[in-house]
Amino acid sequence: MGRLKLFLPLFIFVVLAGFFWRGLSLDPQAMPSALIDKSFPEFSMPMLLDETKLATKDDLLGEYRLVNIWATWCVACRIEHPFFNKLKEQGVRIVGLNYRDEAPAAREWLEDLGNPYEWSIFDPEGRLGIDLGVFGAPETYILDKNGFIRYKHVGIVDQRVWDESFLPVINAL
């Protein structure tokens, strides 16, 4: 029994090393969403470029589109923004959700960097973001023509992510 106690630290080390090894192999971008295959939440919020007009869930229906959560304070959003401009040029329909931001700064951002969005929802308090379970910007959702969430991506969307993750989902729609 005394000799087994000598191996106890080694056993603990091996178990902990196994947990750490498993943790390092997980993808930090893979954040499951409880809303996958569920309807986009109901909302009625002002549009960023014309706050007198309200956007609703019905505005998202009709054909597939992306919903991109973005903000001017988000460094990663600035990195992915040129790619969204490129997608718009290719005919991809994208709706923006300006999340917890200041409207003048957001309008200036779109004027300076280009506007890849058909229109943008203005969510200064983050209410719609909370309903979506947003962890932070950027996040991008794929909606089908009926307004159901088919995919969620947390982080920057670039060509690799588009080709490997988005296109298979879009092609299946």
N, C-alpha and C. Protein backbone atom coordinates (compact mmCIF):
# COMPACT_ATOMS: atom_id res chain seq x y z
N MET A 1 0.82 -1.19 0.00
CA MET A 1 0.00 0.00 0.00
C MET A 1 0.88 1.26 0.00
N GLY A 2 1.97 1.23 0.69
CA GLY A 2 2.88 2.37 0.76
C GLY A 2 3.46 2.71 -0.59
N ARG A 3 3.74 1.67 -1.41
CA ARG A 3 4.32 1.91 -2.73
C ARG A 3 3.29 2.54 -3.67
N LEU A 4 2.00 2.23 -3.49
CA LEU A 4 0.96 2.81 -4.34
C LEU A 4 0.84 4.32 -4.11
N LYS A 5 1.10 4.77 -2.88
CA LYS A 5 1.05 6.19 -2.58
C LYS A 5 2.10 6.96 -3.36
N LEU A 6 3.22 6.30 -3.68
CA LEU A 6 4.26 6.96 -4.45
C LEU A 6 3.80 7.28 -5.88
N PHE A 7 2.88 6.49 -6.41
CA PHE A 7 2.39 6.69 -7.78
C PHE A 7 1.19 7.62 -7.86
N LEU A 8 0.65 8.02 -6.73
CA LEU A 8 -0.52 8.90 -6.71
C LEU A 8 -0.24 10.23 -7.42
N PRO A 9 0.87 10.93 -7.16
CA PRO A 9 1.13 12.18 -7.89
C PRO A 9 1.23 11.95 -9.41
N LEU A 10 1.84 10.85 -9.82
CA LEU A 10 1.94 10.54 -11.24
C LEU A 10 0.55 10.32 -11.84
N PHE A 11 -0.30 9.59 -11.14
CA PHE A 11 -1.66 9.35 -11.61
C PHE A 11 -2.43 10.67 -11.76
N ILE A 12 -2.33 11.55 -10.77
CA ILE A 12 -3.01 12.84 -10.82
C ILE A 12 -2.48 13.66 -12.00
N PHE A 13 -1.17 13.65 -12.21
CA PHE A 13 -0.57 14.37 -13.32
C PHE A 13 -1.12 13.87 -14.65
N VAL A 14 -1.19 12.56 -14.84
CA VAL A 14 -1.67 11.98 -16.09
C VAL A 14 -3.13 12.37 -16.34
N VAL A 15 -3.96 12.33 -15.31
CA VAL A 15 -5.37 12.71 -15.46
C VAL A 15 -5.49 14.19 -15.84
N LEU A 16 -4.78 15.07 -15.14
CA LEU A 16 -4.82 16.49 -15.46
C LEU A 16 -4.29 16.78 -16.86
N ALA A 17 -3.20 16.11 -17.24
CA ALA A 17 -2.65 16.29 -18.58
C ALA A 17 -3.67 15.88 -19.64
N GLY A 18 -4.43 14.83 -19.38
CA GLY A 18 -5.48 14.41 -20.31
C GLY A 18 -6.56 15.47 -20.47
N PHE A 19 -6.99 16.08 -19.37
CA PHE A 19 -7.99 17.15 -19.44
C PHE A 19 -7.45 18.36 -20.21
N PHE A 20 -6.20 18.74 -19.92
CA PHE A 20 -5.61 19.87 -20.63
C PHE A 20 -5.46 19.58 -22.12
N TRP A 21 -5.03 18.39 -22.46
CA TRP A 21 -4.87 18.01 -23.86
C TRP A 21 -6.22 18.09 -24.59
N ARG A 22 -7.27 17.59 -23.96
CA ARG A 22 -8.61 17.65 -24.55
C ARG A 22 -9.06 19.10 -24.72
N GLY A 23 -8.81 19.93 -23.73
CA GLY A 23 -9.20 21.34 -23.80
C GLY A 23 -8.51 22.09 -24.92
N LEU A 24 -7.24 21.77 -25.14
CA LEU A 24 -6.49 22.43 -26.21
C LEU A 24 -6.96 22.00 -27.59
N SER A 25 -7.61 20.87 -27.71
CA SER A 25 -8.06 20.40 -29.02
C SER A 25 -9.44 20.92 -29.39
N LEU A 26 -10.12 21.63 -28.47
CA LEU A 26 -11.45 22.16 -28.77
C LEU A 26 -11.34 23.44 -29.57
N ASP A 27 -12.31 23.69 -30.44
CA ASP A 27 -12.36 24.90 -31.25
C ASP A 27 -13.07 26.00 -30.48
N PRO A 28 -12.37 27.08 -30.12
CA PRO A 28 -13.02 28.15 -29.34
C PRO A 28 -14.08 28.89 -30.14
N GLN A 29 -14.05 28.79 -31.47
CA GLN A 29 -15.06 29.44 -32.32
C GLN A 29 -16.36 28.64 -32.38
N ALA A 30 -16.30 27.36 -32.02
CA ALA A 30 -17.48 26.50 -32.11
C ALA A 30 -18.34 26.67 -30.86
N MET A 31 -19.23 27.63 -30.92
CA MET A 31 -20.12 27.89 -29.80
C MET A 31 -21.52 27.50 -30.22
N PRO A 32 -22.04 26.44 -29.66
CA PRO A 32 -23.36 25.99 -30.07
C PRO A 32 -24.43 27.02 -29.70
N SER A 33 -25.44 27.09 -30.52
CA SER A 33 -26.54 28.01 -30.26
C SER A 33 -27.81 27.22 -30.06
N ALA A 34 -28.56 27.60 -29.05
CA ALA A 34 -29.85 26.96 -28.79
C ALA A 34 -30.88 27.35 -29.84
N LEU A 35 -30.56 28.35 -30.68
CA LEU A 35 -31.52 28.84 -31.66
C LEU A 35 -31.39 28.18 -33.04
N ILE A 36 -30.41 27.31 -33.22
CA ILE A 36 -30.26 26.64 -34.52
C ILE A 36 -31.55 25.88 -34.81
N ASP A 37 -32.06 26.03 -36.03
CA ASP A 37 -33.31 25.43 -36.52
C ASP A 37 -34.54 25.99 -35.82
N LYS A 38 -34.38 27.15 -35.18
CA LYS A 38 -35.52 27.84 -34.57
C LYS A 38 -35.70 29.16 -35.29
N SER A 39 -36.88 29.73 -35.17
CA SER A 39 -37.21 30.98 -35.82
C SER A 39 -36.42 32.14 -35.22
N PHE A 40 -35.99 33.06 -36.08
CA PHE A 40 -35.34 34.28 -35.61
C PHE A 40 -36.29 34.98 -34.65
N PRO A 41 -35.80 35.54 -33.55
CA PRO A 41 -36.69 36.17 -32.57
C PRO A 41 -37.50 37.32 -33.17
N GLU A 42 -38.71 37.48 -32.67
CA GLU A 42 -39.55 38.62 -33.06
C GLU A 42 -38.89 39.90 -32.55
N PHE A 43 -38.96 40.96 -33.36
CA PHE A 43 -38.41 42.25 -32.94
C PHE A 43 -39.08 43.36 -33.73
N SER A 44 -38.99 44.53 -33.19
CA SER A 44 -39.40 45.76 -33.87
C SER A 44 -38.44 46.83 -33.38
N MET A 45 -37.47 47.17 -34.24
CA MET A 45 -36.40 48.07 -33.83
C MET A 45 -36.12 49.07 -34.95
N PRO A 46 -35.58 50.22 -34.60
CA PRO A 46 -35.28 51.22 -35.63
C PRO A 46 -34.17 50.76 -36.57
N MET A 47 -34.25 51.26 -37.80
CA MET A 47 -33.18 51.04 -38.77
C MET A 47 -32.08 52.06 -38.50
N LEU A 48 -30.86 51.65 -38.68
CA LEU A 48 -29.71 52.51 -38.36
C LEU A 48 -29.69 53.77 -39.22
N LEU A 49 -29.89 53.64 -40.51
CA LEU A 49 -29.74 54.79 -41.39
C LEU A 49 -30.98 55.68 -41.43
N ASP A 50 -32.11 55.18 -40.93
CA ASP A 50 -33.33 55.98 -40.84
C ASP A 50 -34.12 55.50 -39.64
N GLU A 51 -33.84 56.11 -38.49
CA GLU A 51 -34.43 55.65 -37.24
C GLU A 51 -35.94 55.87 -37.16
N THR A 52 -36.51 56.57 -38.15
CA THR A 52 -37.97 56.73 -38.16
C THR A 52 -38.64 55.47 -38.71
N LYS A 53 -37.89 54.61 -39.38
CA LYS A 53 -38.43 53.36 -39.92
C LYS A 53 -38.09 52.22 -38.97
N LEU A 54 -39.08 51.35 -38.75
CA LEU A 54 -38.86 50.19 -37.90
C LEU A 54 -38.63 48.94 -38.74
N ALA A 55 -37.68 48.14 -38.32
CA ALA A 55 -37.42 46.84 -38.93
C ALA A 55 -38.09 45.78 -38.07
N THR A 56 -38.63 44.76 -38.70
CA THR A 56 -39.25 43.65 -37.98
C THR A 56 -38.74 42.33 -38.54
N LYS A 57 -39.10 41.27 -37.89
CA LYS A 57 -38.72 39.94 -38.35
C LYS A 57 -39.25 39.67 -39.76
N ASP A 58 -40.41 40.19 -40.08
CA ASP A 58 -41.00 39.98 -41.41
C ASP A 58 -40.09 40.50 -42.52
N ASP A 59 -39.26 41.50 -42.22
CA ASP A 59 -38.34 42.04 -43.22
C ASP A 59 -37.22 41.05 -43.57
N LEU A 60 -37.06 40.02 -42.76
CA LEU A 60 -36.01 39.03 -42.99
C LEU A 60 -36.49 37.85 -43.84
N LEU A 61 -37.77 37.79 -44.14
CA LEU A 61 -38.34 36.63 -44.83
C LEU A 61 -38.21 36.78 -46.34
N GLY A 62 -38.31 35.66 -47.05
CA GLY A 62 -38.35 35.69 -48.51
C GLY A 62 -37.27 34.91 -49.19
N GLU A 63 -36.04 35.05 -48.76
CA GLU A 63 -34.94 34.25 -49.29
C GLU A 63 -33.83 34.24 -48.25
N TYR A 64 -32.88 33.34 -48.44
CA TYR A 64 -31.84 33.22 -47.43
C TYR A 64 -31.06 34.53 -47.35
N ARG A 65 -30.54 34.80 -46.19
CA ARG A 65 -29.66 35.95 -46.01
C ARG A 65 -28.82 35.75 -44.76
N LEU A 66 -27.79 36.56 -44.66
CA LEU A 66 -26.94 36.58 -43.48
C LEU A 66 -27.39 37.71 -42.57
N VAL A 67 -27.26 37.51 -41.29
CA VAL A 67 -27.42 38.59 -40.31
C VAL A 67 -26.10 38.69 -39.58
N ASN A 68 -25.45 39.85 -39.71
CA ASN A 68 -24.13 40.07 -39.13
C ASN A 68 -24.24 41.04 -37.97
N ILE A 69 -23.79 40.61 -36.79
CA ILE A 69 -23.75 41.47 -35.62
C ILE A 69 -22.42 42.21 -35.64
N TRP A 70 -22.46 43.53 -35.62
CA TRP A 70 -21.25 44.33 -35.73
C TRP A 70 -21.36 45.58 -34.86
N ALA A 71 -20.21 46.21 -34.63
CA ALA A 71 -20.16 47.46 -33.86
C ALA A 71 -18.87 48.19 -34.20
N THR A 72 -18.89 49.50 -34.02
CA THR A 72 -17.70 50.29 -34.32
C THR A 72 -16.59 50.04 -33.31
N TRP A 73 -16.93 49.63 -32.11
CA TRP A 73 -15.93 49.36 -31.07
C TRP A 73 -15.28 47.99 -31.25
N CYS A 74 -15.73 47.22 -32.20
CA CYS A 74 -15.28 45.84 -32.41
C CYS A 74 -14.13 45.80 -33.42
N VAL A 75 -12.93 45.48 -32.94
CA VAL A 75 -11.76 45.42 -33.81
C VAL A 75 -11.91 44.32 -34.85
N ALA A 76 -12.43 43.16 -34.45
CA ALA A 76 -12.61 42.05 -35.39
C ALA A 76 -13.62 42.40 -36.48
N CYS A 77 -14.60 43.23 -36.16
CA CYS A 77 -15.59 43.66 -37.16
C CYS A 77 -14.91 44.46 -38.27
N ARG A 78 -13.95 45.28 -37.89
CA ARG A 78 -13.22 46.07 -38.88
C ARG A 78 -12.42 45.15 -39.81
N ILE A 79 -11.91 44.06 -39.26
CA ILE A 79 -11.14 43.11 -40.07
C ILE A 79 -12.03 42.39 -41.07
N GLU A 80 -13.23 41.99 -40.66
CA GLU A 80 -14.10 41.23 -41.57
C GLU A 80 -14.91 42.12 -42.51
N HIS A 81 -15.01 43.40 -42.23
CA HIS A 81 -15.87 44.31 -43.01
C HIS A 81 -15.56 44.31 -44.51
N PRO A 82 -14.28 44.38 -44.93
CA PRO A 82 -14.01 44.35 -46.38
C PRO A 82 -14.51 43.06 -47.05
N PHE A 83 -14.47 41.95 -46.34
CA PHE A 83 -14.97 40.70 -46.91
C PHE A 83 -16.48 40.77 -47.13
N PHE A 84 -17.21 41.38 -46.20
CA PHE A 84 -18.66 41.55 -46.39
C PHE A 84 -18.95 42.48 -47.56
N ASN A 85 -18.13 43.52 -47.76
CA ASN A 85 -18.29 44.37 -48.94
C ASN A 85 -18.12 43.55 -50.22
N LYS A 86 -17.16 42.65 -50.21
CA LYS A 86 -16.92 41.77 -51.36
C LYS A 86 -18.12 40.84 -51.59
N LEU A 87 -18.66 40.29 -50.50
CA LEU A 87 -19.84 39.41 -50.63
C LEU A 87 -21.03 40.17 -51.21
N LYS A 88 -21.21 41.41 -50.79
CA LYS A 88 -22.32 42.22 -51.32
C LYS A 88 -22.17 42.39 -52.83
N GLU A 89 -20.94 42.64 -53.28
CA GLU A 89 -20.68 42.79 -54.71
C GLU A 89 -21.03 41.51 -55.48
N GLN A 90 -20.95 40.36 -54.80
CA GLN A 90 -21.27 39.08 -55.42
C GLN A 90 -22.76 38.76 -55.31
N GLY A 91 -23.54 39.65 -54.71
CA GLY A 91 -24.98 39.46 -54.61
C GLY A 91 -25.47 38.78 -53.35
N VAL A 92 -24.60 38.59 -52.38
CA VAL A 92 -25.02 37.98 -51.12
C VAL A 92 -25.81 39.02 -50.33
N ARG A 93 -26.95 38.60 -49.82
CA ARG A 93 -27.82 39.51 -49.07
C ARG A 93 -27.45 39.45 -47.59
N ILE A 94 -27.08 40.62 -47.05
CA ILE A 94 -26.62 40.70 -45.67
C ILE A 94 -27.40 41.80 -44.95
N VAL A 95 -27.89 41.48 -43.79
CA VAL A 95 -28.52 42.47 -42.92
C VAL A 95 -27.59 42.68 -41.73
N GLY A 96 -27.39 43.92 -41.37
CA GLY A 96 -26.54 44.23 -40.23
C GLY A 96 -27.36 44.39 -38.96
N LEU A 97 -26.75 44.04 -37.86
CA LEU A 97 -27.33 44.32 -36.54
C LEU A 97 -26.26 45.10 -35.78
N ASN A 98 -26.43 46.43 -35.74
CA ASN A 98 -25.48 47.28 -35.05
C ASN A 98 -25.75 47.15 -33.55
N TYR A 99 -24.80 46.55 -32.86
CA TYR A 99 -24.97 46.06 -31.49
C TYR A 99 -24.29 46.95 -30.47
N ARG A 100 -25.09 47.48 -29.55
CA ARG A 100 -24.58 48.27 -28.41
C ARG A 100 -23.59 49.34 -28.86
N ASP A 101 -24.06 50.20 -29.73
CA ASP A 101 -23.20 51.17 -30.37
C ASP A 101 -23.87 52.54 -30.36
N GLU A 102 -23.17 53.53 -30.83
CA GLU A 102 -23.69 54.89 -31.00
C GLU A 102 -24.04 55.07 -32.48
N ALA A 103 -25.24 55.54 -32.76
CA ALA A 103 -25.71 55.68 -34.14
C ALA A 103 -24.81 56.57 -35.00
N PRO A 104 -24.40 57.76 -34.53
CA PRO A 104 -23.54 58.59 -35.39
C PRO A 104 -22.23 57.90 -35.77
N ALA A 105 -21.62 57.22 -34.82
CA ALA A 105 -20.37 56.51 -35.09
C ALA A 105 -20.60 55.38 -36.09
N ALA A 106 -21.71 54.66 -35.94
CA ALA A 106 -22.02 53.55 -36.85
C ALA A 106 -22.29 54.06 -38.26
N ARG A 107 -23.01 55.16 -38.39
CA ARG A 107 -23.28 55.72 -39.72
C ARG A 107 -21.98 56.18 -40.38
N GLU A 108 -21.12 56.81 -39.60
CA GLU A 108 -19.82 57.26 -40.13
C GLU A 108 -18.99 56.06 -40.59
N TRP A 109 -19.00 54.98 -39.80
CA TRP A 109 -18.28 53.75 -40.15
C TRP A 109 -18.72 53.26 -41.54
N LEU A 110 -20.03 53.17 -41.75
CA LEU A 110 -20.55 52.68 -43.03
C LEU A 110 -20.21 53.62 -44.17
N GLU A 111 -20.23 54.92 -43.89
CA GLU A 111 -19.88 55.90 -44.92
C GLU A 111 -18.40 55.78 -45.30
N ASP A 112 -17.55 55.60 -44.31
CA ASP A 112 -16.10 55.55 -44.55
C ASP A 112 -15.63 54.21 -45.11
N LEU A 113 -16.19 53.11 -44.61
CA LEU A 113 -15.70 51.77 -44.96
C LEU A 113 -16.55 51.05 -45.99
N GLY A 114 -17.66 51.65 -46.38
CA GLY A 114 -18.58 51.00 -47.30
C GLY A 114 -19.67 50.29 -46.52
N ASN A 115 -20.84 50.17 -47.17
CA ASN A 115 -22.00 49.57 -46.51
C ASN A 115 -22.36 48.26 -47.20
N PRO A 116 -21.99 47.13 -46.60
CA PRO A 116 -22.30 45.84 -47.23
C PRO A 116 -23.72 45.36 -46.95
N TYR A 117 -24.48 46.12 -46.19
CA TYR A 117 -25.79 45.65 -45.70
C TYR A 117 -26.94 46.18 -46.56
N GLU A 118 -27.94 45.31 -46.75
CA GLU A 118 -29.18 45.78 -47.37
C GLU A 118 -29.78 46.87 -46.50
N TRP A 119 -29.76 46.63 -45.21
CA TRP A 119 -30.19 47.57 -44.17
C TRP A 119 -29.63 47.07 -42.86
N SER A 120 -29.60 47.96 -41.86
CA SER A 120 -29.07 47.59 -40.55
C SER A 120 -30.09 47.90 -39.47
N ILE A 121 -30.19 46.98 -38.53
CA ILE A 121 -31.02 47.16 -37.35
C ILE A 121 -30.15 47.89 -36.32
N PHE A 122 -30.73 48.86 -35.64
CA PHE A 122 -30.01 49.60 -34.61
C PHE A 122 -30.45 49.07 -33.25
N ASP A 123 -29.51 48.46 -32.52
CA ASP A 123 -29.80 47.82 -31.23
C ASP A 123 -28.87 48.40 -30.15
N PRO A 124 -29.09 49.66 -29.74
CA PRO A 124 -28.14 50.32 -28.83
C PRO A 124 -28.06 49.70 -27.44
N GLU A 125 -29.15 49.12 -26.96
CA GLU A 125 -29.12 48.50 -25.63
C GLU A 125 -28.79 47.01 -25.69
N GLY A 126 -28.77 46.43 -26.88
CA GLY A 126 -28.45 45.02 -27.02
C GLY A 126 -29.62 44.09 -26.74
N ARG A 127 -30.86 44.58 -26.82
CA ARG A 127 -32.03 43.74 -26.51
C ARG A 127 -32.18 42.58 -27.49
N LEU A 128 -32.10 42.86 -28.79
CA LEU A 128 -32.19 41.78 -29.78
C LEU A 128 -30.98 40.86 -29.66
N GLY A 129 -29.84 41.44 -29.38
CA GLY A 129 -28.64 40.64 -29.15
C GLY A 129 -28.83 39.65 -28.01
N ILE A 130 -29.47 40.08 -26.95
CA ILE A 130 -29.74 39.18 -25.82
C ILE A 130 -30.68 38.06 -26.25
N ASP A 131 -31.72 38.40 -27.02
CA ASP A 131 -32.65 37.38 -27.51
C ASP A 131 -31.95 36.36 -28.41
N LEU A 132 -30.91 36.80 -29.11
CA LEU A 132 -30.15 35.90 -29.98
C LEU A 132 -29.08 35.13 -29.23
N GLY A 133 -28.80 35.52 -28.01
CA GLY A 133 -27.73 34.86 -27.25
C GLY A 133 -26.35 35.29 -27.71
N VAL A 134 -26.24 36.55 -28.13
CA VAL A 134 -24.97 37.07 -28.64
C VAL A 134 -23.94 37.11 -27.51
N PHE A 135 -22.75 36.57 -27.80
CA PHE A 135 -21.64 36.60 -26.85
C PHE A 135 -20.85 37.89 -27.02
N GLY A 136 -20.86 38.43 -28.22
CA GLY A 136 -20.12 39.64 -28.56
C GLY A 136 -19.98 39.72 -30.05
N ALA A 137 -19.55 40.86 -30.53
CA ALA A 137 -19.39 41.02 -31.97
C ALA A 137 -17.98 40.58 -32.37
N PRO A 138 -17.81 40.07 -33.58
CA PRO A 138 -18.82 39.79 -34.58
C PRO A 138 -19.40 38.39 -34.44
N GLU A 139 -20.64 38.28 -34.80
CA GLU A 139 -21.32 37.00 -34.94
C GLU A 139 -22.15 37.09 -36.22
N THR A 140 -22.27 35.98 -36.91
CA THR A 140 -23.02 35.98 -38.16
C THR A 140 -23.92 34.75 -38.21
N TYR A 141 -25.17 34.98 -38.60
CA TYR A 141 -26.18 33.93 -38.70
C TYR A 141 -26.58 33.75 -40.16
N ILE A 142 -26.90 32.52 -40.51
CA ILE A 142 -27.53 32.25 -41.81
C ILE A 142 -29.00 31.96 -41.53
N LEU A 143 -29.87 32.72 -42.20
CA LEU A 143 -31.31 32.50 -42.08
C LEU A 143 -31.83 31.92 -43.38
N ASP A 144 -32.77 30.98 -43.28
CA ASP A 144 -33.42 30.48 -44.49
C ASP A 144 -34.53 31.44 -44.90
N LYS A 145 -35.23 31.13 -46.00
CA LYS A 145 -36.25 32.04 -46.53
C LYS A 145 -37.44 32.22 -45.58
N ASN A 146 -37.61 31.31 -44.63
CA ASN A 146 -38.71 31.40 -43.68
C ASN A 146 -38.29 32.04 -42.35
N GLY A 147 -37.05 32.52 -42.29
CA GLY A 147 -36.58 33.20 -41.09
C GLY A 147 -36.08 32.28 -40.00
N PHE A 148 -35.75 31.04 -40.35
CA PHE A 148 -35.19 30.11 -39.37
C PHE A 148 -33.67 30.19 -39.39
N ILE A 149 -33.08 30.16 -38.21
CA ILE A 149 -31.62 30.21 -38.09
C ILE A 149 -31.07 28.83 -38.44
N ARG A 150 -30.22 28.78 -39.45
CA ARG A 150 -29.64 27.51 -39.89
C ARG A 150 -28.18 27.35 -39.51
N TYR A 151 -27.53 28.46 -39.17
CA TYR A 151 -26.12 28.38 -38.82
C TYR A 151 -25.73 29.64 -38.06
N LYS A 152 -24.79 29.50 -37.12
CA LYS A 152 -24.25 30.64 -36.38
C LYS A 152 -22.73 30.51 -36.36
N HIS A 153 -22.07 31.63 -36.64
CA HIS A 153 -20.62 31.66 -36.58
C HIS A 153 -20.20 32.79 -35.65
N VAL A 154 -19.35 32.47 -34.69
CA VAL A 154 -18.81 33.47 -33.78
C VAL A 154 -17.39 33.77 -34.24
N GLY A 155 -17.11 35.04 -34.49
CA GLY A 155 -15.78 35.44 -34.93
C GLY A 155 -15.79 35.98 -36.34
N ILE A 156 -14.60 36.20 -36.85
CA ILE A 156 -14.40 36.81 -38.16
C ILE A 156 -14.82 35.86 -39.27
N VAL A 157 -15.55 36.40 -40.24
CA VAL A 157 -15.86 35.66 -41.46
C VAL A 157 -14.87 36.11 -42.53
N ASP A 158 -14.13 35.16 -43.06
CA ASP A 158 -13.20 35.44 -44.15
C ASP A 158 -13.43 34.39 -45.23
N GLN A 159 -12.60 34.38 -46.24
CA GLN A 159 -12.81 33.47 -47.37
C GLN A 159 -12.79 32.00 -46.94
N ARG A 160 -11.88 31.64 -46.04
CA ARG A 160 -11.80 30.26 -45.59
C ARG A 160 -13.08 29.85 -44.86
N VAL A 161 -13.52 30.69 -43.93
CA VAL A 161 -14.75 30.40 -43.18
C VAL A 161 -15.93 30.34 -44.14
N TRP A 162 -15.97 31.25 -45.09
CA TRP A 162 -17.06 31.27 -46.07
C TRP A 162 -17.10 29.96 -46.86
N ASP A 163 -15.94 29.55 -47.37
CA ASP A 163 -15.88 28.34 -48.20
C ASP A 163 -16.16 27.07 -47.39
N GLU A 164 -15.61 26.99 -46.19
CA GLU A 164 -15.71 25.75 -45.41
C GLU A 164 -16.99 25.63 -44.59
N SER A 165 -17.52 26.75 -44.12
CA SER A 165 -18.66 26.69 -43.21
C SER A 165 -19.96 27.24 -43.80
N PHE A 166 -19.89 28.38 -44.44
CA PHE A 166 -21.11 29.03 -44.92
C PHE A 166 -21.65 28.41 -46.20
N LEU A 167 -20.78 28.24 -47.20
CA LEU A 167 -21.26 27.73 -48.49
C LEU A 167 -21.97 26.37 -48.40
N PRO A 168 -21.47 25.41 -47.62
CA PRO A 168 -22.21 24.15 -47.51
C PRO A 168 -23.63 24.34 -46.97
N VAL A 169 -23.80 25.21 -45.99
CA VAL A 169 -25.12 25.46 -45.42
C VAL A 169 -26.01 26.16 -46.46
N ILE A 170 -25.46 27.18 -47.11
CA ILE A 170 -26.22 27.94 -48.11
C ILE A 170 -26.61 27.04 -49.27
N ASN A 171 -25.69 26.22 -49.73
CA ASN A 171 -26.00 25.32 -50.85
C ASN A 171 -27.07 24.30 -50.49
N ALA A 172 -27.15 23.94 -49.21
CA ALA A 172 -28.18 22.99 -48.76
C ALA A 172 -29.58 23.64 -48.67
N LEU A 173 -29.60 24.97 -48.61
CA LEU A 173 -30.88 25.67 -48.54
C LEU A 173 -31.51 25.67 -49.92
